Amino acid sequence: MKIKEVFILEEAFDDLNEGKVFYDLQETGVGEYFWDCLVADMESLIVYAGIHSKKFGLFQMFSMRFPCYLL
């Protein structure tokens, strides 16, 4: 299976930005690490396309390092 595109709803993008701010408030630089980890997880969807469970007809993947999930 080949992934043609990965899309992020505007609301989800806003949540990810809020997560970045939250983690930066905990310690400088952690927000950037949070963002980088999530981008890497999203990029891995291309490599591991189709092996994830589905929710609402979309493949779902949990983030490897932070407690959130990607649909």
Protein backbone atom coordinates (compact mmCIF):
# COMPACT_ATOMS: atom_id res chain seq x y z
CA MET A 1 0.00 0.00 0.00
CA LYS A 2 1.32 3.44 -0.84
CA ILE A 3 0.34 6.57 1.06
CA LYS A 4 -0.51 9.39 -1.30
CA GLU A 5 -0.80 12.07 1.33
CA VAL A 6 -0.89 12.69 5.04
CA PHE A 7 -3.25 15.42 6.10
CA ILE A 8 -3.72 17.24 9.37
CA LEU A 9 -6.97 18.94 10.23
CA GLU A 10 -6.64 22.60 11.16
CA GLU A 11 -7.90 21.76 14.65
CA ALA A 12 -5.27 19.05 15.03
CA PHE A 13 -2.54 21.41 13.81
CA ASP A 14 -3.68 23.92 16.43
CA ASP A 15 -3.53 21.19 19.10
CA LEU A 16 0.00 20.27 18.04
CA ASN A 17 1.07 23.91 18.27
CA GLU A 18 -0.48 24.16 21.73
CA GLY A 19 1.42 21.01 22.70
CA LYS A 20 4.66 22.59 21.50
CA VAL A 21 3.99 25.69 23.61
CA PHE A 22 3.04 23.55 26.61
CA TYR A 23 6.27 21.54 26.47
CA ASP A 24 8.39 24.64 25.94
CA LEU A 25 6.87 26.10 29.11
CA GLN A 26 8.01 22.98 30.97
CA GLU A 27 11.58 23.35 29.72
CA THR A 28 13.09 25.32 26.87
CA GLY A 29 13.65 23.18 23.78
CA VAL A 30 11.29 20.36 24.73
CA GLY A 31 8.55 21.87 22.55
CA GLU A 32 10.81 21.73 19.52
CA TYR A 33 11.69 18.12 20.38
CA PHE A 34 7.95 17.37 20.67
CA TRP A 35 7.34 18.88 17.23
CA ASP A 36 10.29 17.05 15.65
CA CYS A 37 9.12 13.71 17.11
CA LEU A 38 5.61 14.17 15.75
CA VAL A 39 6.88 15.13 12.30
CA ALA A 40 9.11 12.03 12.29
CA ASP A 41 6.12 9.90 13.33
CA MET A 42 4.03 11.37 10.50
CA GLU A 43 6.82 10.78 7.99
CA SER A 44 7.00 7.15 9.13
CA LEU A 45 3.41 6.71 7.93
CA ILE A 46 4.85 6.61 4.42
CA VAL A 47 7.16 3.72 5.33
CA TYR A 48 4.66 1.74 7.40
CA ALA A 49 1.54 2.51 5.37
CA GLY A 50 -1.41 0.24 6.02
CA ILE A 51 -0.19 -1.65 9.09
CA HIS A 52 -2.03 0.55 11.60
CA SER A 53 -5.50 0.09 12.98
CA LYS A 54 -8.29 2.15 11.46
CA LYS A 55 -10.56 4.63 13.18
CA PHE A 56 -13.29 6.47 11.30
CA GLY A 57 -11.95 4.90 8.10
CA LEU A 58 -8.49 6.41 8.58
CA PHE A 59 -5.29 4.75 9.74
CA GLN A 60 -4.35 5.62 13.30
CA MET A 61 -0.88 5.74 14.76
CA PHE A 62 0.14 6.61 18.29
CA SER A 63 3.10 8.91 18.80
CA MET A 64 6.21 7.03 19.92
CA ARG A 65 7.45 9.56 22.51
CA PHE A 66 4.53 11.76 23.55
CA PRO A 67 1.04 10.87 24.83
CA CYS A 68 -1.02 11.79 21.78
CA TYR A 69 -2.17 9.93 18.70
CA LEU A 70 -2.26 10.61 14.99
CA LEU A 71 -5.21 9.73 12.82
